[in-house]
């Protein structure tokens, strides 16, 4: 996600997609793209209590983003959805497709909707979020080395070592008793509503995170679509074991 920089994990994983026996494993470690937006929740079937600051942040996945993007690129959309007077609500609809959540029926409302007096007052009181502030910090060279070590340990099936990597990264909710450079967290599991109406608002700059983004407080918050993880590696069916993959990594590093 940083221009001109290389990622040790992606560099190692990229060739795996040329090998059918490593493709599933490669998907497990490939970057997961997510996007950060902000706006108001106008309709919420969960009937939750409204937060003190109603200008919420949303972390969404590529499926919903593509729906949003297609409308923004549509020349027939005369006004930006973020216009305070002639804006448009985005209606989030969740169904299931197999064992995964499906948001493909989400869409923009057909009618324009202006922000209410309460919405405008909230913007005056709290202001809009600078979404760039919620992008992950750029890791130091030591942090990049820690990433490479954690990747190799993960492929080898080893457990996370807080004494070794706690000063750089830690699983969400784990207290290692030291200040970390950044936090690696799993995707937020907030229940999405069957139908919800969201009024987007303009921001100083849109933010996009291609690596795992920090979990932010928001509801409802669509979660990035699950990607099928690789099956357990073993000797059956021509699958390469974790030891085979590690040996391939070490041989490549020594050559």
C-alpha atoms as a PDB file:
ATOM      1  CA  UNK A   1       0.000   0.000   0.000  1.00  0.00           C
ATOM      2  CA  UNK A   2       3.067   2.274   0.078  1.00  0.00           C
ATOM      3  CA  UNK A   3       4.313   3.504  -3.300  1.00  0.00           C
ATOM      4  CA  UNK A   4       7.750   2.247  -4.224  1.00  0.00           C
ATOM      5  CA  UNK A   5       7.879  -0.242  -1.339  1.00  0.00           C
ATOM      6  CA  UNK A   6       7.900  -4.030  -1.550  1.00  0.00           C
ATOM      7  CA  UNK A   7       6.250  -6.449   0.844  1.00  0.00           C
ATOM      8  CA  UNK A   8       8.233  -9.574   1.788  1.00  0.00           C
ATOM      9  CA  UNK A   9       5.040 -11.618   2.116  1.00  0.00           C
ATOM     10  CA  UNK A  10       3.560 -10.639  -1.254  1.00  0.00           C
ATOM     11  CA  UNK A  11       6.944 -11.059  -2.938  1.00  0.00           C
ATOM     12  CA  UNK A  12       7.127 -14.642  -1.679  1.00  0.00           C
ATOM     13  CA  UNK A  13       3.471 -15.500  -2.229  1.00  0.00           C
ATOM     14  CA  UNK A  14       3.059 -14.095  -5.747  1.00  0.00           C
ATOM     15  CA  UNK A  15       4.756 -17.081  -7.509  1.00  0.00           C
ATOM     16  CA  UNK A  16       2.546 -19.499  -5.571  1.00  0.00           C
ATOM     17  CA  UNK A  17      -0.398 -18.638  -7.818  1.00  0.00           C
ATOM     18  CA  UNK A  18       1.465 -20.210 -10.735  1.00  0.00           C
ATOM     19  CA  UNK A  19       1.513 -23.538  -8.858  1.00  0.00           C
ATOM     20  CA  UNK A  20      -1.948 -25.136  -8.459  1.00  0.00           C
ATOM     21  CA  UNK A  21      -0.765 -26.963  -5.338  1.00  0.00           C
ATOM     22  CA  UNK A  22       0.106 -23.631  -3.646  1.00  0.00           C
ATOM     23  CA  UNK A  23      -2.710 -21.432  -4.948  1.00  0.00           C
ATOM     24  CA  UNK A  24      -5.062 -22.005  -1.996  1.00  0.00           C
ATOM     25  CA  UNK A  25      -2.236 -21.304   0.447  1.00  0.00           C
ATOM     26  CA  UNK A  26      -1.385 -18.156  -1.491  1.00  0.00           C
ATOM     27  CA  UNK A  27      -4.906 -16.799  -1.119  1.00  0.00           C
ATOM     28  CA  UNK A  28      -4.603 -17.196   2.637  1.00  0.00           C
ATOM     29  CA  UNK A  29      -1.650 -14.806   2.781  1.00  0.00           C
ATOM     30  CA  UNK A  30      -2.510 -12.413  -0.055  1.00  0.00           C
ATOM     31  CA  UNK A  31      -3.496  -8.860   0.869  1.00  0.00           C
ATOM     32  CA  UNK A  32      -7.136  -8.199   1.753  1.00  0.00           C
ATOM     33  CA  UNK A  33      -8.374  -4.909   0.352  1.00  0.00           C
ATOM     34  CA  UNK A  34     -10.711  -2.725   2.428  1.00  0.00           C
ATOM     35  CA  UNK A  35     -12.034   0.831   2.194  1.00  0.00           C
ATOM     36  CA  UNK A  36     -12.932   3.472   4.776  1.00  0.00           C
ATOM     37  CA  UNK A  37     -15.988   5.714   4.393  1.00  0.00           C
ATOM     38  CA  UNK A  38     -17.974   7.981   6.675  1.00  0.00           C
ATOM     39  CA  UNK A  39     -21.603   9.017   6.893  1.00  0.00           C
ATOM     40  CA  UNK A  40     -24.834   8.899   8.887  1.00  0.00           C
ATOM     41  CA  UNK A  41     -27.078   5.904   9.596  1.00  0.00           C
ATOM     42  CA  UNK A  42     -30.602   7.096   8.793  1.00  0.00           C
ATOM     43  CA  UNK A  43     -32.406   3.767   9.214  1.00  0.00           C
ATOM     44  CA  UNK A  44     -31.259   0.951  11.473  1.00  0.00           C
ATOM     45  CA  UNK A  45     -33.416  -2.137  12.144  1.00  0.00           C
ATOM     46  CA  UNK A  46     -31.201  -2.973  15.147  1.00  0.00           C
ATOM     47  CA  UNK A  47     -32.772  -0.052  17.047  1.00  0.00           C
ATOM     48  CA  UNK A  48     -29.487   0.644  18.759  1.00  0.00           C
ATOM     49  CA  UNK A  49     -28.830   3.751  20.794  1.00  0.00           C
ATOM     50  CA  UNK A  50     -27.334   6.535  18.678  1.00  0.00           C
ATOM     51  CA  UNK A  51     -23.692   7.330  19.532  1.00  0.00           C
ATOM     52  CA  UNK A  52     -22.681  10.734  20.826  1.00  0.00           C
ATOM     53  CA  UNK A  53     -21.003  11.463  17.496  1.00  0.00           C
ATOM     54  CA  UNK A  54     -23.385  10.272  14.760  1.00  0.00           C
ATOM     55  CA  UNK A  55     -20.787  10.809  12.016  1.00  0.00           C
ATOM     56  CA  UNK A  56     -19.693   7.199  11.747  1.00  0.00           C
ATOM     57  CA  UNK A  57     -16.855   5.421  10.019  1.00  0.00           C
ATOM     58  CA  UNK A  58     -17.460   2.340   7.893  1.00  0.00           C
ATOM     59  CA  UNK A  59     -14.927  -0.310   6.899  1.00  0.00           C
ATOM     60  CA  UNK A  60     -16.236  -2.101   3.818  1.00  0.00           C
ATOM     61  CA  UNK A  61     -14.989  -4.714   1.393  1.00  0.00           C
ATOM     62  CA  UNK A  62     -14.587  -4.757  -2.389  1.00  0.00           C
ATOM     63  CA  UNK A  63     -18.076  -6.091  -3.094  1.00  0.00           C
ATOM     64  CA  UNK A  64     -19.882  -3.035  -1.711  1.00  0.00           C
ATOM     65  CA  UNK A  65     -17.157  -0.668  -2.890  1.00  0.00           C
ATOM     66  CA  UNK A  66     -17.660  -1.776  -6.492  1.00  0.00           C
ATOM     67  CA  UNK A  67     -21.380  -0.965  -6.213  1.00  0.00           C
ATOM     68  CA  UNK A  68     -20.556   2.478  -4.838  1.00  0.00           C
ATOM     69  CA  UNK A  69     -17.897   3.087  -7.482  1.00  0.00           C
ATOM     70  CA  UNK A  70     -20.104   2.074 -10.411  1.00  0.00           C
ATOM     71  CA  UNK A  71     -22.677   4.686  -9.404  1.00  0.00           C
ATOM     72  CA  UNK A  72     -20.049   7.405  -8.967  1.00  0.00           C
ATOM     73  CA  UNK A  73     -18.750   6.660 -12.470  1.00  0.00           C
ATOM     74  CA  UNK A  74     -22.275   6.746 -13.936  1.00  0.00           C
ATOM     75  CA  UNK A  75     -22.717   9.929 -16.021  1.00  0.00           C
ATOM     76  CA  UNK A  76     -26.477   9.818 -15.374  1.00  0.00           C
ATOM     77  CA  UNK A  77     -25.920  10.554 -11.673  1.00  0.00           C
ATOM     78  CA  UNK A  78     -26.248  14.335 -11.767  1.00  0.00           C
ATOM     79  CA  UNK A  79     -25.257  15.099  -8.165  1.00  0.00           C
ATOM     80  CA  UNK A  80     -22.605  13.622  -5.907  1.00  0.00           C
ATOM     81  CA  UNK A  81     -24.103  11.338  -3.224  1.00  0.00           C
ATOM     82  CA  UNK A  82     -22.207  13.421  -0.642  1.00  0.00           C
ATOM     83  CA  UNK A  83     -24.013  16.651  -1.556  1.00  0.00           C
ATOM     84  CA  UNK A  84     -25.624  18.043   1.604  1.00  0.00           C
ATOM     85  CA  UNK A  85     -28.812  19.063  -0.236  1.00  0.00           C
ATOM     86  CA  UNK A  86     -29.070  16.810  -3.287  1.00  0.00           C
ATOM     87  CA  UNK A  87     -27.243  13.766  -1.902  1.00  0.00           C
ATOM     88  CA  UNK A  88     -28.353  10.157  -2.105  1.00  0.00           C
ATOM     89  CA  UNK A  89     -28.671   7.478   0.567  1.00  0.00           C
ATOM     90  CA  UNK A  90     -26.983   4.126   0.130  1.00  0.00           C
ATOM     91  CA  UNK A  91     -29.215   1.209   1.108  1.00  0.00           C
ATOM     92  CA  UNK A  92     -27.284  -1.715   2.529  1.00  0.00           C
ATOM     93  CA  UNK A  93     -28.891  -5.120   2.118  1.00  0.00           C
ATOM     94  CA  UNK A  94     -27.398  -8.327   3.467  1.00  0.00           C
ATOM     95  CA  UNK A  95     -28.261 -11.811   2.238  1.00  0.00           C
ATOM     96  CA  UNK A  96     -26.301 -15.039   2.243  1.00  0.00           C
ATOM     97  CA  UNK A  97     -24.632 -16.859  -0.618  1.00  0.00           C
ATOM     98  CA  UNK A  98     -23.566 -20.286   0.513  1.00  0.00           C
ATOM     99  CA  UNK A  99     -21.786 -19.816   3.832  1.00  0.00           C
ATOM    100  CA  UNK A 100     -20.773 -16.210   3.150  1.00  0.00           C
ATOM    101  CA  UNK A 101     -22.523 -12.858   3.521  1.00  0.00           C
ATOM    102  CA  UNK A 102     -23.698 -11.353   0.251  1.00  0.00           C
ATOM    103  CA  UNK A 103     -24.225  -7.610  -0.229  1.00  0.00           C
ATOM    104  CA  UNK A 104     -24.765  -7.643  -3.996  1.00  0.00           C
ATOM    105  CA  UNK A 105     -28.362  -6.380  -3.661  1.00  0.00           C
ATOM    106  CA  UNK A 106     -27.227  -3.182  -1.920  1.00  0.00           C
ATOM    107  CA  UNK A 107     -27.897  -0.067  -3.973  1.00  0.00           C
ATOM    108  CA  UNK A 108     -28.246   3.697  -4.036  1.00  0.00           C
ATOM    109  CA  UNK A 109     -31.700   5.125  -3.317  1.00  0.00           C
ATOM    110  CA  UNK A 110     -33.615   6.367  -6.336  1.00  0.00           C
ATOM    111  CA  UNK A 111     -34.581   9.677  -4.724  1.00  0.00           C
ATOM    112  CA  UNK A 112     -32.327  12.435  -3.469  1.00  0.00           C
ATOM    113  CA  UNK A 113     -32.314  13.127   0.272  1.00  0.00           C
ATOM    114  CA  UNK A 114     -30.950  16.250   1.957  1.00  0.00           C
ATOM    115  CA  UNK A 115     -29.151  16.064   5.285  1.00  0.00           C
ATOM    116  CA  UNK A 116     -31.414  16.863   8.210  1.00  0.00           C
ATOM    117  CA  UNK A 117     -30.898  19.723  10.639  1.00  0.00           C
ATOM    118  CA  UNK A 118     -29.621  17.152  13.151  1.00  0.00           C
ATOM    119  CA  UNK A 119     -27.093  15.868  10.618  1.00  0.00           C
ATOM    120  CA  UNK A 120     -25.828  19.367   9.868  1.00  0.00           C
ATOM    121  CA  UNK A 121     -25.621  20.183  13.564  1.00  0.00           C
ATOM    122  CA  UNK A 122     -23.562  17.044  14.167  1.00  0.00           C
ATOM    123  CA  UNK A 123     -21.105  18.072  11.436  1.00  0.00           C
ATOM    124  CA  UNK A 124     -20.801  21.538  12.987  1.00  0.00           C
ATOM    125  CA  UNK A 125     -20.274  20.047  16.456  1.00  0.00           C
ATOM    126  CA  UNK A 126     -18.005  17.091  15.754  1.00  0.00           C
ATOM    127  CA  UNK A 127     -16.641  17.835  12.301  1.00  0.00           C
ATOM    128  CA  UNK A 128     -15.853  15.216   9.667  1.00  0.00           C
ATOM    129  CA  UNK A 129     -13.219  12.540  10.133  1.00  0.00           C
ATOM    130  CA  UNK A 130      -9.922  12.840   8.308  1.00  0.00           C
ATOM    131  CA  UNK A 131      -9.971   9.293   7.002  1.00  0.00           C
ATOM    132  CA  UNK A 132      -6.247   9.324   6.311  1.00  0.00           C
ATOM    133  CA  UNK A 133      -5.730   9.315  10.080  1.00  0.00           C
ATOM    134  CA  UNK A 134      -7.100   5.761  10.241  1.00  0.00           C
ATOM    135  CA  UNK A 135      -4.725   4.175   7.738  1.00  0.00           C
ATOM    136  CA  UNK A 136      -2.109   1.845   9.251  1.00  0.00           C
ATOM    137  CA  UNK A 137       1.247   3.417  10.061  1.00  0.00           C
ATOM    138  CA  UNK A 138       4.114   2.671   7.703  1.00  0.00           C
ATOM    139  CA  UNK A 139       6.302   0.006   9.352  1.00  0.00           C
ATOM    140  CA  UNK A 140       9.969   0.602  10.066  1.00  0.00           C
ATOM    141  CA  UNK A 141      12.620  -1.707   8.549  1.00  0.00           C
ATOM    142  CA  UNK A 142      12.548  -3.655  11.834  1.00  0.00           C
ATOM    143  CA  UNK A 143       8.776  -3.936  11.534  1.00  0.00           C
ATOM    144  CA  UNK A 144       9.072  -5.272   7.985  1.00  0.00           C
ATOM    145  CA  UNK A 145      11.563  -7.872   9.227  1.00  0.00           C
ATOM    146  CA  UNK A 146       9.070  -8.872  11.936  1.00  0.00           C
ATOM    147  CA  UNK A 147       6.410  -9.288   9.252  1.00  0.00           C
ATOM    148  CA  UNK A 148       8.669 -11.620   7.296  1.00  0.00           C
ATOM    149  CA  UNK A 149       9.466 -13.659  10.424  1.00  0.00           C
ATOM    150  CA  UNK A 150       5.793 -13.956  11.412  1.00  0.00           C
ATOM    151  CA  UNK A 151       4.925 -15.050   7.887  1.00  0.00           C
ATOM    152  CA  UNK A 152       7.530 -17.814   7.915  1.00  0.00           C
ATOM    153  CA  UNK A 153       6.402 -18.922  11.386  1.00  0.00           C
ATOM    154  CA  UNK A 154       2.774 -18.980  10.238  1.00  0.00           C
ATOM    155  CA  UNK A 155       3.591 -21.143   7.205  1.00  0.00           C
ATOM    156  CA  UNK A 156       5.465 -23.471   9.539  1.00  0.00           C
ATOM    157  CA  UNK A 157       2.445 -23.711  11.860  1.00  0.00           C
ATOM    158  CA  UNK A 158       4.231 -22.038  14.787  1.00  0.00           C
ATOM    159  CA  UNK A 159       2.421 -19.966  17.424  1.00  0.00           C
ATOM    160  CA  UNK A 160       2.718 -16.203  17.756  1.00  0.00           C
ATOM    161  CA  UNK A 161       5.626 -15.219  20.021  1.00  0.00           C
ATOM    162  CA  UNK A 162       4.799 -12.007  21.961  1.00  0.00           C
ATOM    163  CA  UNK A 163       8.368 -11.743  23.317  1.00  0.00           C
ATOM    164  CA  UNK A 164       9.733 -11.707  19.772  1.00  0.00           C
ATOM    165  CA  UNK A 165       7.155  -9.638  17.903  1.00  0.00           C
ATOM    166  CA  UNK A 166       5.072  -7.932  20.601  1.00  0.00           C
ATOM    167  CA  UNK A 167       6.883  -4.612  20.213  1.00  0.00           C
ATOM    168  CA  UNK A 168       5.828  -4.481  16.556  1.00  0.00           C
ATOM    169  CA  UNK A 169       2.510  -6.283  16.138  1.00  0.00           C
ATOM    170  CA  UNK A 170       0.050  -8.110  18.338  1.00  0.00           C
ATOM    171  CA  UNK A 171      -3.283  -9.885  17.896  1.00  0.00           C
ATOM    172  CA  UNK A 172      -6.304  -7.759  18.710  1.00  0.00           C
ATOM    173  CA  UNK A 173      -7.060  -7.769  22.448  1.00  0.00           C
ATOM    174  CA  UNK A 174      -3.718  -9.245  23.524  1.00  0.00           C
ATOM    175  CA  UNK A 175      -1.814  -7.233  26.147  1.00  0.00           C
ATOM    176  CA  UNK A 176       1.900  -7.922  25.797  1.00  0.00           C
ATOM    177  CA  UNK A 177       2.874  -5.243  28.309  1.00  0.00           C
ATOM    178  CA  UNK A 178       4.705  -3.075  25.774  1.00  0.00           C
ATOM    179  CA  UNK A 179       3.883  -0.334  23.334  1.00  0.00           C
ATOM    180  CA  UNK A 180       3.415  -1.642  19.831  1.00  0.00           C
ATOM    181  CA  UNK A 181       4.249   0.015  16.572  1.00  0.00           C
ATOM    182  CA  UNK A 182       1.014  -1.150  15.006  1.00  0.00           C
ATOM    183  CA  UNK A 183      -1.812  -3.538  15.738  1.00  0.00           C
ATOM    184  CA  UNK A 184      -2.843  -6.438  13.537  1.00  0.00           C
ATOM    185  CA  UNK A 185      -6.507  -7.199  14.100  1.00  0.00           C
ATOM    186  CA  UNK A 186      -8.940  -9.667  12.563  1.00  0.00           C
ATOM    187  CA  UNK A 187     -11.818  -8.390  10.486  1.00  0.00           C
ATOM    188  CA  UNK A 188     -14.466  -6.747  12.621  1.00  0.00           C
ATOM    189  CA  UNK A 189     -17.419  -9.023  13.254  1.00  0.00           C
ATOM    190  CA  UNK A 190     -20.227  -6.565  13.736  1.00  0.00           C
ATOM    191  CA  UNK A 191     -23.649  -7.929  12.774  1.00  0.00           C
ATOM    192  CA  UNK A 192     -24.767  -6.212   9.615  1.00  0.00           C
ATOM    193  CA  UNK A 193     -28.403  -5.210   9.308  1.00  0.00           C
ATOM    194  CA  UNK A 194     -30.729  -6.869   6.809  1.00  0.00           C
ATOM    195  CA  UNK A 195     -31.473  -3.405   5.395  1.00  0.00           C
ATOM    196  CA  UNK A 196     -29.985  -0.111   6.425  1.00  0.00           C
ATOM    197  CA  UNK A 197     -29.941   3.372   4.954  1.00  0.00           C
ATOM    198  CA  UNK A 198     -26.677   5.274   5.065  1.00  0.00           C
ATOM    199  CA  UNK A 199     -26.205   8.909   4.093  1.00  0.00           C
ATOM    200  CA  UNK A 200     -22.609   9.443   2.933  1.00  0.00           C
ATOM    201  CA  UNK A 201     -20.891  12.734   3.607  1.00  0.00           C
ATOM    202  CA  UNK A 202     -17.918  14.282   1.908  1.00  0.00           C
ATOM    203  CA  UNK A 203     -14.480  14.045   3.474  1.00  0.00           C
ATOM    204  CA  UNK A 204     -11.170  15.843   3.020  1.00  0.00           C
ATOM    205  CA  UNK A 205      -9.778  12.779   1.256  1.00  0.00           C
ATOM    206  CA  UNK A 206     -10.985   9.202   0.726  1.00  0.00           C
ATOM    207  CA  UNK A 207      -8.834   6.545   2.315  1.00  0.00           C
ATOM    208  CA  UNK A 208      -8.052   3.080   1.043  1.00  0.00           C
ATOM    209  CA  UNK A 209      -6.219   0.381   2.954  1.00  0.00           C
ATOM    210  CA  UNK A 210      -4.911  -2.604   1.017  1.00  0.00           C
ATOM    211  CA  UNK A 211      -3.512  -4.372   4.052  1.00  0.00           C
ATOM    212  CA  UNK A 212      -5.439  -5.354   7.147  1.00  0.00           C
ATOM    213  CA  UNK A 213      -6.960  -2.103   8.366  1.00  0.00           C
ATOM    214  CA  UNK A 214      -7.430  -1.178  12.026  1.00  0.00           C
ATOM    215  CA  UNK A 215     -10.841  -2.029  13.388  1.00  0.00           C
ATOM    216  CA  UNK A 216     -12.910   1.085  13.928  1.00  0.00           C
ATOM    217  CA  UNK A 217     -16.059   1.607  15.909  1.00  0.00           C
ATOM    218  CA  UNK A 218     -19.143   1.817  13.726  1.00  0.00           C
ATOM    219  CA  UNK A 219     -22.515   0.221  13.291  1.00  0.00           C
ATOM    220  CA  UNK A 220     -23.703  -1.050  10.996  1.00  0.00           C
ATOM    221  CA  UNK A 221     -20.389  -1.948   9.420  1.00  0.00           C
ATOM    222  CA  UNK A 222     -20.188  -4.318   6.465  1.00  0.00           C
ATOM    223  CA  UNK A 223     -17.253  -6.654   6.768  1.00  0.00           C
ATOM    224  CA  UNK A 224     -14.865  -7.514   3.991  1.00  0.00           C
ATOM    225  CA  UNK A 225     -16.092 -10.559   2.131  1.00  0.00           C
ATOM    226  CA  UNK A 226     -14.502 -13.797   3.379  1.00  0.00           C
ATOM    227  CA  UNK A 227     -11.903 -15.397   1.174  1.00  0.00           C
ATOM    228  CA  UNK A 228     -11.733 -19.145   1.187  1.00  0.00           C
ATOM    229  CA  UNK A 229      -8.737 -20.222   3.203  1.00  0.00           C
ATOM    230  CA  UNK A 230      -6.426 -22.980   2.159  1.00  0.00           C
ATOM    231  CA  UNK A 231      -7.161 -26.495   3.301  1.00  0.00           C
ATOM    232  CA  UNK A 232      -4.793 -28.254   5.674  1.00  0.00           C
ATOM    233  CA  UNK A 233      -1.633 -29.039   3.822  1.00  0.00           C
ATOM    234  CA  UNK A 234      -0.501 -32.618   3.669  1.00  0.00           C
ATOM    235  CA  UNK A 235       0.828 -35.201   1.327  1.00  0.00           C
ATOM    236  CA  UNK A 236      -2.516 -36.088  -0.241  1.00  0.00           C
ATOM    237  CA  UNK A 237      -3.628 -34.984  -3.658  1.00  0.00           C
ATOM    238  CA  UNK A 238      -0.238 -33.528  -4.617  1.00  0.00           C
ATOM    239  CA  UNK A 239      -0.477 -30.710  -2.022  1.00  0.00           C
ATOM    240  CA  UNK A 240       2.814 -29.339  -0.785  1.00  0.00           C
ATOM    241  CA  UNK A 241       3.410 -29.429   2.946  1.00  0.00           C
ATOM    242  CA  UNK A 242       4.433 -26.460   5.088  1.00  0.00           C
ATOM    243  CA  UNK A 243       7.954 -27.943   5.277  1.00  0.00           C
ATOM    244  CA  UNK A 244       8.164 -28.035   1.481  1.00  0.00           C
ATOM    245  CA  UNK A 245       7.106 -24.394   1.279  1.00  0.00           C
ATOM    246  CA  UNK A 246       9.601 -23.349   3.955  1.00  0.00           C
ATOM    247  CA  UNK A 247      12.403 -25.204   2.217  1.00  0.00           C
ATOM    248  CA  UNK A 248      11.503 -23.418  -0.995  1.00  0.00           C
ATOM    249  CA  UNK A 249      11.656 -20.061   0.833  1.00  0.00           C
ATOM    250  CA  UNK A 250      15.010 -20.834   2.426  1.00  0.00           C
ATOM    251  CA  UNK A 251      16.496 -22.067  -0.843  1.00  0.00           C
ATOM    252  CA  UNK A 252      15.359 -18.894  -2.569  1.00  0.00           C
ATOM    253  CA  UNK A 253      16.859 -16.694   0.180  1.00  0.00           C
ATOM    254  CA  UNK A 254      20.201 -18.497   0.067  1.00  0.00           C
ATOM    255  CA  UNK A 255      20.498 -18.357  -3.747  1.00  0.00           C
END
